[in-house]
Amino acid sequence: MVRVQLAMTEPQQVMADFWCGGATADTPASLWSQFAQVVSARDHLTEENDIKLFFALANALFDAGIAAWDAKRYYDAARPITAVRYVFCDQVIRAYSIGGPAAGLRQIPGTLWAPYQLPNNPTLPFAEYVSGHSTFSAAAAEALKRFTGSDAFNHSMTIAPRSLTLDPALPATPVVLRWDRFSDAACEAGLSRVVAGLHFPQSDLAGRVLGQQVGALAFDKARQYWEGIAA
């Protein structure tokens, strides 16, 4: 995780800031609900289809939270901040510290290592495995893909210069976040937590698998309700 942080590019910093909520503090559930609004407008959905879309999506997100937090409580895995500080406790490393990303990379004791997050909230108060962002996002992407009948999203957002919450000096120039597919957005959401130092890669990958399964089941259940065949 120390090497990952040192290798962060500006686009990755933008990605990490966006998916952690940025200035709006949006959660993954909120961001994916906004994406669904984009889909509704793009596909000119009727009121009836809007109801079906958000019914399926909301339940996929809700169930993703249940599944992810069940795994978190079961495995009770340590987050990178705990592991890095333990492994590098007697070393000096180059990293972000308790001053946050705005203070820049510097030589610090390993016991002060911090993720790419605000200094007042350097990590999250629940277990690491699996990634909630990955689970929520994969579930939402699966529900949207099944509802629309395609993985095609074709949506983008431009992040203005010097607008990041985590480091207000960035980006130096506008950065475009583009998602050609729903699954691209889901992968980016999970990866953003790895490059930020909040999750290990296996938690991202396992969360994606779990989320896809949850999204498929939740969508199928929702479909049964609007078709009048739910048990």
C-alpha atoms as a PDB file:
ATOM      1  CA  MET A   1       0.000   0.000   0.000  1.00  0.00           C
ATOM      2  CA  VAL A   2       2.949   2.314   0.585  1.00  0.00           C
ATOM      3  CA  ARG A   3       4.121   1.799  -3.014  1.00  0.00           C
ATOM      4  CA  VAL A   4       0.569   2.209  -4.332  1.00  0.00           C
ATOM      5  CA  GLN A   5       0.258   5.568  -2.605  1.00  0.00           C
ATOM      6  CA  LEU A   6       3.614   6.783  -3.902  1.00  0.00           C
ATOM      7  CA  ALA A   7       2.602   5.843  -7.457  1.00  0.00           C
ATOM      8  CA  MET A   8      -0.767   7.670  -7.404  1.00  0.00           C
ATOM      9  CA  THR A   9      -1.337   9.727 -10.534  1.00  0.00           C
ATOM     10  CA  GLU A  10      -3.402  12.896 -10.687  1.00  0.00           C
ATOM     11  CA  PRO A  11      -6.287  11.098 -12.466  1.00  0.00           C
ATOM     12  CA  GLN A  12      -6.246   8.504  -9.675  1.00  0.00           C
ATOM     13  CA  GLN A  13      -6.363  11.268  -7.077  1.00  0.00           C
ATOM     14  CA  VAL A  14      -9.378  12.724  -8.865  1.00  0.00           C
ATOM     15  CA  MET A  15     -10.973   9.272  -8.989  1.00  0.00           C
ATOM     16  CA  ALA A  16     -10.369   8.714  -5.269  1.00  0.00           C
ATOM     17  CA  ASP A  17     -11.849  12.105  -4.420  1.00  0.00           C
ATOM     18  CA  PHE A  18     -14.929  11.599  -6.600  1.00  0.00           C
ATOM     19  CA  TRP A  19     -15.837   8.172  -5.251  1.00  0.00           C
ATOM     20  CA  CYS A  20     -15.314   9.169  -1.615  1.00  0.00           C
ATOM     21  CA  GLY A  21     -17.968  11.818  -2.146  1.00  0.00           C
ATOM     22  CA  GLY A  22     -15.841  14.874  -2.858  1.00  0.00           C
ATOM     23  CA  ALA A  23     -17.448  18.160  -1.944  1.00  0.00           C
ATOM     24  CA  THR A  24     -20.951  16.657  -1.865  1.00  0.00           C
ATOM     25  CA  ALA A  25     -20.128  13.728   0.464  1.00  0.00           C
ATOM     26  CA  ASP A  26     -22.231  11.439  -1.736  1.00  0.00           C
ATOM     27  CA  THR A  27     -22.170   7.758  -0.811  1.00  0.00           C
ATOM     28  CA  PRO A  28     -21.997   5.075  -3.537  1.00  0.00           C
ATOM     29  CA  ALA A  29     -25.738   4.557  -3.161  1.00  0.00           C
ATOM     30  CA  SER A  30     -26.342   8.245  -3.839  1.00  0.00           C
ATOM     31  CA  LEU A  31     -23.949   8.327  -6.815  1.00  0.00           C
ATOM     32  CA  TRP A  32     -25.550   5.282  -8.411  1.00  0.00           C
ATOM     33  CA  SER A  33     -29.013   6.739  -7.884  1.00  0.00           C
ATOM     34  CA  GLN A  34     -27.799   9.838  -9.749  1.00  0.00           C
ATOM     35  CA  PHE A  35     -26.504   7.567 -12.523  1.00  0.00           C
ATOM     36  CA  ALA A  36     -29.960   6.010 -12.709  1.00  0.00           C
ATOM     37  CA  GLN A  37     -31.425   9.480 -13.230  1.00  0.00           C
ATOM     38  CA  VAL A  38     -29.036   9.864 -16.171  1.00  0.00           C
ATOM     39  CA  VAL A  39     -30.287   6.557 -17.570  1.00  0.00           C
ATOM     40  CA  SER A  40     -33.905   7.617 -17.094  1.00  0.00           C
ATOM     41  CA  ALA A  41     -33.350  10.815 -19.049  1.00  0.00           C
ATOM     42  CA  ARG A  42     -31.220   9.075 -21.687  1.00  0.00           C
ATOM     43  CA  ASP A  43     -33.811   6.372 -22.353  1.00  0.00           C
ATOM     44  CA  HIS A  44     -36.855   8.655 -21.965  1.00  0.00           C
ATOM     45  CA  LEU A  45     -38.384   6.331 -19.381  1.00  0.00           C
ATOM     46  CA  THR A  46     -42.043   6.545 -18.502  1.00  0.00           C
ATOM     47  CA  GLU A  47     -43.151   7.069 -14.914  1.00  0.00           C
ATOM     48  CA  GLU A  48     -43.968   3.364 -14.667  1.00  0.00           C
ATOM     49  CA  ASN A  49     -40.519   2.348 -15.834  1.00  0.00           C
ATOM     50  CA  ASP A  50     -38.889   4.881 -13.514  1.00  0.00           C
ATOM     51  CA  ILE A  51     -40.693   3.228 -10.616  1.00  0.00           C
ATOM     52  CA  LYS A  52     -39.459  -0.192 -11.718  1.00  0.00           C
ATOM     53  CA  LEU A  53     -35.910   1.055 -12.254  1.00  0.00           C
ATOM     54  CA  PHE A  54     -35.537   2.718  -8.873  1.00  0.00           C
ATOM     55  CA  PHE A  55     -37.361  -0.109  -7.104  1.00  0.00           C
ATOM     56  CA  ALA A  56     -34.846  -2.619  -8.458  1.00  0.00           C
ATOM     57  CA  LEU A  57     -31.838  -0.355  -7.920  1.00  0.00           C
ATOM     58  CA  ALA A  58     -32.712   0.695  -4.376  1.00  0.00           C
ATOM     59  CA  ASN A  59     -33.233  -2.885  -3.276  1.00  0.00           C
ATOM     60  CA  ALA A  60     -29.993  -4.003  -4.939  1.00  0.00           C
ATOM     61  CA  LEU A  61     -28.126  -1.283  -3.037  1.00  0.00           C
ATOM     62  CA  PHE A  62     -29.888  -2.097   0.225  1.00  0.00           C
ATOM     63  CA  ASP A  63     -29.110  -5.806  -0.082  1.00  0.00           C
ATOM     64  CA  ALA A  64     -25.512  -5.018  -1.060  1.00  0.00           C
ATOM     65  CA  GLY A  65     -25.093  -3.231   2.255  1.00  0.00           C
ATOM     66  CA  ILE A  66     -26.461  -6.218   4.147  1.00  0.00           C
ATOM     67  CA  ALA A  67     -24.165  -8.640   2.320  1.00  0.00           C
ATOM     68  CA  ALA A  68     -21.047  -6.485   2.626  1.00  0.00           C
ATOM     69  CA  TRP A  69     -21.478  -5.729   6.311  1.00  0.00           C
ATOM     70  CA  ASP A  70     -22.234  -9.356   7.089  1.00  0.00           C
ATOM     71  CA  ALA A  71     -18.841 -10.199   5.553  1.00  0.00           C
ATOM     72  CA  LYS A  72     -17.152  -7.338   7.402  1.00  0.00           C
ATOM     73  CA  ARG A  73     -18.460  -8.566  10.755  1.00  0.00           C
ATOM     74  CA  TYR A  74     -17.616 -12.184   9.972  1.00  0.00           C
ATOM     75  CA  TYR A  75     -14.035 -11.670   8.770  1.00  0.00           C
ATOM     76  CA  ASP A  76     -13.187  -8.626  10.950  1.00  0.00           C
ATOM     77  CA  ALA A  77     -10.148  -7.855   8.781  1.00  0.00           C
ATOM     78  CA  ALA A  78      -7.702  -5.056   9.559  1.00  0.00           C
ATOM     79  CA  ARG A  79      -7.542  -2.045   7.277  1.00  0.00           C
ATOM     80  CA  PRO A  80      -4.360  -0.904   5.506  1.00  0.00           C
ATOM     81  CA  ILE A  81      -3.770   1.875   8.041  1.00  0.00           C
ATOM     82  CA  THR A  82      -3.414  -0.740  10.782  1.00  0.00           C
ATOM     83  CA  ALA A  83      -1.299  -3.117   8.705  1.00  0.00           C
ATOM     84  CA  VAL A  84       1.050  -0.463   7.322  1.00  0.00           C
ATOM     85  CA  ARG A  85       1.657   1.167  10.687  1.00  0.00           C
ATOM     86  CA  TYR A  86       2.424  -2.251  12.178  1.00  0.00           C
ATOM     87  CA  VAL A  87       4.744  -3.455   9.399  1.00  0.00           C
ATOM     88  CA  PHE A  88       6.626  -0.152   9.083  1.00  0.00           C
ATOM     89  CA  CYS A  89       6.588   0.766  12.775  1.00  0.00           C
ATOM     90  CA  ASP A  90      10.382   1.072  13.001  1.00  0.00           C
ATOM     91  CA  GLN A  91      10.997   2.654   9.577  1.00  0.00           C
ATOM     92  CA  VAL A  92      10.893   6.073   7.985  1.00  0.00           C
ATOM     93  CA  ILE A  93       8.823   6.093   4.798  1.00  0.00           C
ATOM     94  CA  ARG A  94       7.669   8.619   2.231  1.00  0.00           C
ATOM     95  CA  ALA A  95       3.912   8.950   2.456  1.00  0.00           C
ATOM     96  CA  TYR A  96       0.928  11.044   3.363  1.00  0.00           C
ATOM     97  CA  SER A  97       0.562  11.560   7.078  1.00  0.00           C
ATOM     98  CA  ILE A  98      -1.949  12.836   9.577  1.00  0.00           C
ATOM     99  CA  GLY A  99      -1.827  16.244   7.876  1.00  0.00           C
ATOM    100  CA  GLY A 100      -3.754  14.788   4.946  1.00  0.00           C
ATOM    101  CA  PRO A 101      -3.078  14.877   1.185  1.00  0.00           C
ATOM    102  CA  ALA A 102      -2.947  18.682   1.063  1.00  0.00           C
ATOM    103  CA  ALA A 103       0.258  18.528   3.130  1.00  0.00           C
ATOM    104  CA  GLY A 104       1.900  16.439   0.414  1.00  0.00           C
ATOM    105  CA  LEU A 105       4.134  13.391   0.484  1.00  0.00           C
ATOM    106  CA  ARG A 106       6.993  13.566   2.971  1.00  0.00           C
ATOM    107  CA  GLN A 107       9.347  11.483   5.056  1.00  0.00           C
ATOM    108  CA  ILE A 108       7.497  10.286   8.140  1.00  0.00           C
ATOM    109  CA  PRO A 109       7.664   7.505  10.745  1.00  0.00           C
ATOM    110  CA  GLY A 110       5.758   4.450   9.516  1.00  0.00           C
ATOM    111  CA  THR A 111       3.492   4.717  12.543  1.00  0.00           C
ATOM    112  CA  LEU A 112       2.016   7.932  11.093  1.00  0.00           C
ATOM    113  CA  TRP A 113       1.102   6.575   7.654  1.00  0.00           C
ATOM    114  CA  ALA A 114      -2.390   7.553   6.511  1.00  0.00           C
ATOM    115  CA  PRO A 115      -4.549   6.823   3.456  1.00  0.00           C
ATOM    116  CA  TYR A 116      -5.396   9.428   0.834  1.00  0.00           C
ATOM    117  CA  GLN A 117      -8.185  10.877   2.944  1.00  0.00           C
ATOM    118  CA  LEU A 118      -9.004  13.985   4.968  1.00  0.00           C
ATOM    119  CA  PRO A 119      -6.933  14.256   8.149  1.00  0.00           C
ATOM    120  CA  ASN A 120     -10.024  14.302  10.358  1.00  0.00           C
ATOM    121  CA  ASN A 121     -11.256  11.017   8.859  1.00  0.00           C
ATOM    122  CA  PRO A 122      -8.187   8.976   7.858  1.00  0.00           C
ATOM    123  CA  THR A 123      -9.975   5.639   7.768  1.00  0.00           C
ATOM    124  CA  LEU A 124     -13.380   4.093   8.368  1.00  0.00           C
ATOM    125  CA  PRO A 125     -14.656   2.653  11.670  1.00  0.00           C
ATOM    126  CA  PHE A 126     -15.551  -0.813  10.413  1.00  0.00           C
ATOM    127  CA  ALA A 127     -13.725  -3.856   9.119  1.00  0.00           C
ATOM    128  CA  GLU A 128     -11.905  -3.985   5.783  1.00  0.00           C
ATOM    129  CA  TYR A 129     -13.122  -7.137   4.001  1.00  0.00           C
ATOM    130  CA  VAL A 130     -15.093  -6.760   1.765  1.00  0.00           C
ATOM    131  CA  SER A 131     -15.105  -3.292   0.189  1.00  0.00           C
ATOM    132  CA  GLY A 132     -18.463  -1.622   0.555  1.00  0.00           C
ATOM    133  CA  HIS A 133     -17.817   0.617  -2.458  1.00  0.00           C
ATOM    134  CA  SER A 134     -17.104  -2.436  -4.608  1.00  0.00           C
ATOM    135  CA  THR A 135     -20.164  -4.328  -3.409  1.00  0.00           C
ATOM    136  CA  PHE A 136     -22.584  -1.412  -3.710  1.00  0.00           C
ATOM    137  CA  SER A 137     -21.271  -0.431  -7.134  1.00  0.00           C
ATOM    138  CA  ALA A 138     -21.209  -3.906  -8.648  1.00  0.00           C
ATOM    139  CA  ALA A 139     -24.747  -4.550  -7.395  1.00  0.00           C
ATOM    140  CA  ALA A 140     -25.995  -1.270  -8.838  1.00  0.00           C
ATOM    141  CA  ALA A 141     -24.212  -1.839 -12.157  1.00  0.00           C
ATOM    142  CA  GLU A 142     -25.747  -5.306 -12.430  1.00  0.00           C
ATOM    143  CA  ALA A 143     -29.245  -3.992 -11.703  1.00  0.00           C
ATOM    144  CA  LEU A 144     -28.892  -1.195 -14.261  1.00  0.00           C
ATOM    145  CA  LYS A 145     -27.442  -3.551 -16.843  1.00  0.00           C
ATOM    146  CA  ARG A 146     -30.289  -6.011 -16.419  1.00  0.00           C
ATOM    147  CA  PHE A 147     -32.949  -3.313 -16.459  1.00  0.00           C
ATOM    148  CA  THR A 148     -31.674  -1.645 -19.630  1.00  0.00           C
ATOM    149  CA  GLY A 149     -30.665  -4.901 -21.296  1.00  0.00           C
ATOM    150  CA  SER A 150     -27.155  -3.609 -21.930  1.00  0.00           C
ATOM    151  CA  ASP A 151     -23.941  -2.714 -20.101  1.00  0.00           C
ATOM    152  CA  ALA A 152     -23.676   0.494 -22.166  1.00  0.00           C
ATOM    153  CA  PHE A 153     -23.613   3.652 -20.049  1.00  0.00           C
ATOM    154  CA  ASN A 154     -21.697   6.261 -22.107  1.00  0.00           C
ATOM    155  CA  HIS A 155     -21.614   8.903 -19.403  1.00  0.00           C
ATOM    156  CA  SER A 156     -18.872  11.250 -18.267  1.00  0.00           C
ATOM    157  CA  MET A 157     -18.202  14.002 -15.746  1.00  0.00           C
ATOM    158  CA  THR A 158     -15.603  16.752 -15.900  1.00  0.00           C
ATOM    159  CA  ILE A 159     -13.832  17.610 -12.664  1.00  0.00           C
ATOM    160  CA  ALA A 160     -12.858  21.276 -12.606  1.00  0.00           C
ATOM    161  CA  PRO A 161      -9.341  22.465 -11.772  1.00  0.00           C
ATOM    162  CA  ARG A 162      -8.518  22.972  -8.094  1.00  0.00           C
ATOM    163  CA  SER A 163     -11.814  21.512  -6.938  1.00  0.00           C
ATOM    164  CA  LEU A 164     -10.866  18.397  -4.985  1.00  0.00           C
ATOM    165  CA  THR A 165     -11.877  18.090  -1.366  1.00  0.00           C
ATOM    166  CA  LEU A 166      -8.904  15.927  -0.421  1.00  0.00           C
ATOM    167  CA  ASP A 167      -6.346  18.237  -2.054  1.00  0.00           C
ATOM    168  CA  PRO A 168      -7.787  21.623  -3.112  1.00  0.00           C
ATOM    169  CA  ALA A 169      -4.774  22.322  -5.350  1.00  0.00           C
ATOM    170  CA  LEU A 170      -5.829  19.516  -7.698  1.00  0.00           C
ATOM    171  CA  PRO A 171      -6.435  18.835 -10.476  1.00  0.00           C
ATOM    172  CA  ALA A 172      -4.132  21.247 -12.260  1.00  0.00           C
ATOM    173  CA  THR A 173      -6.318  21.028 -15.387  1.00  0.00           C
ATOM    174  CA  PRO A 174      -9.809  19.599 -15.997  1.00  0.00           C
ATOM    175  CA  VAL A 175     -10.029  15.816 -15.684  1.00  0.00           C
ATOM    176  CA  VAL A 176     -12.764  13.817 -17.379  1.00  0.00           C
ATOM    177  CA  LEU A 177     -14.096  10.703 -15.676  1.00  0.00           C
ATOM    178  CA  ARG A 178     -15.720   8.609 -18.377  1.00  0.00           C
ATOM    179  CA  TRP A 179     -17.639   5.358 -18.090  1.00  0.00           C
ATOM    180  CA  ASP A 180     -18.542   3.632 -21.348  1.00  0.00           C
ATOM    181  CA  ARG A 181     -20.151   0.782 -19.419  1.00  0.00           C
ATOM    182  CA  PHE A 182     -21.872   0.441 -16.060  1.00  0.00           C
ATOM    183  CA  SER A 183     -19.283  -2.183 -15.192  1.00  0.00           C
ATOM    184  CA  ASP A 184     -16.499   0.356 -15.922  1.00  0.00           C
ATOM    185  CA  ALA A 185     -17.950   2.682 -13.293  1.00  0.00           C
ATOM    186  CA  ALA A 186     -18.258  -0.182 -10.804  1.00  0.00           C
ATOM    187  CA  CYS A 187     -14.642  -1.228 -11.358  1.00  0.00           C
ATOM    188  CA  GLU A 188     -13.470   2.355 -10.951  1.00  0.00           C
ATOM    189  CA  ALA A 189     -15.400   2.745  -7.706  1.00  0.00           C
ATOM    190  CA  GLY A 190     -13.715  -0.312  -6.213  1.00  0.00           C
ATOM    191  CA  LEU A 191     -10.271   0.568  -7.533  1.00  0.00           C
ATOM    192  CA  SER A 192     -10.560   4.083  -6.101  1.00  0.00           C
ATOM    193  CA  ARG A 193     -10.574   2.621  -2.589  1.00  0.00           C
ATOM    194  CA  VAL A 194      -7.442   0.597  -3.276  1.00  0.00           C
ATOM    195  CA  VAL A 195      -5.395   3.492  -4.656  1.00  0.00           C
ATOM    196  CA  ALA A 196      -6.610   5.673  -1.785  1.00  0.00           C
ATOM    197  CA  GLY A 197      -5.254   3.132   0.693  1.00  0.00           C
ATOM    198  CA  LEU A 198      -8.566   2.203   2.281  1.00  0.00           C
ATOM    199  CA  HIS A 199      -8.783  -1.377   1.011  1.00  0.00           C
ATOM    200  CA  PHE A 200      -6.515  -4.177  -0.116  1.00  0.00           C
ATOM    201  CA  PRO A 201      -7.058  -5.444  -3.689  1.00  0.00           C
ATOM    202  CA  GLN A 202      -8.657  -8.724  -2.587  1.00  0.00           C
ATOM    203  CA  SER A 203     -11.398  -6.810  -0.784  1.00  0.00           C
ATOM    204  CA  ASP A 204     -12.182  -4.883  -3.941  1.00  0.00           C
ATOM    205  CA  LEU A 205     -12.276  -7.994  -6.129  1.00  0.00           C
ATOM    206  CA  ALA A 206     -14.329 -10.028  -3.658  1.00  0.00           C
ATOM    207  CA  GLY A 207     -16.722  -7.105  -3.226  1.00  0.00           C
ATOM    208  CA  ARG A 208     -17.260  -6.918  -6.975  1.00  0.00           C
ATOM    209  CA  VAL A 209     -18.149 -10.617  -7.152  1.00  0.00           C
ATOM    210  CA  LEU A 210     -20.462 -10.343  -4.160  1.00  0.00           C
ATOM    211  CA  GLY A 211     -22.118  -7.238  -5.582  1.00  0.00           C
ATOM    212  CA  GLN A 212     -22.786  -8.858  -8.948  1.00  0.00           C
ATOM    213  CA  GLN A 213     -24.476 -11.779  -7.227  1.00  0.00           C
ATOM    214  CA  VAL A 214     -26.560  -9.499  -5.025  1.00  0.00           C
ATOM    215  CA  GLY A 215     -27.539  -7.274  -7.951  1.00  0.00           C
ATOM    216  CA  ALA A 216     -28.693 -10.234 -10.029  1.00  0.00           C
ATOM    217  CA  LEU A 217     -30.795 -11.684  -7.205  1.00  0.00           C
ATOM    218  CA  ALA A 218     -32.289  -8.329  -6.204  1.00  0.00           C
ATOM    219  CA  PHE A 219     -33.205  -7.460  -9.789  1.00  0.00           C
ATOM    220  CA  ASP A 220     -34.835 -10.838 -10.355  1.00  0.00           C
ATOM    221  CA  LYS A 221     -36.866 -10.438  -7.164  1.00  0.00           C
ATOM    222  CA  ALA A 222     -37.933  -6.921  -8.118  1.00  0.00           C
ATOM    223  CA  ARG A 223     -38.940  -8.123 -11.591  1.00  0.00           C
ATOM    224  CA  GLN A 224     -41.097 -10.841 -10.041  1.00  0.00           C
ATOM    225  CA  TYR A 225     -42.935  -8.178  -8.034  1.00  0.00           C
ATOM    226  CA  TRP A 226     -43.732  -5.919 -10.976  1.00  0.00           C
ATOM    227  CA  GLU A 227     -44.749  -8.939 -13.063  1.00  0.00           C
ATOM    228  CA  GLY A 228     -47.035 -10.101 -10.264  1.00  0.00           C
ATOM    229  CA  ILE A 229     -45.387 -13.503  -9.820  1.00  0.00           C
ATOM    230  CA  ALA A 230     -43.437 -12.972  -6.575  1.00  0.00           C
ATOM    231  CA  ALA A 231     -43.934 -15.703  -4.000  1.00  0.00           C
END
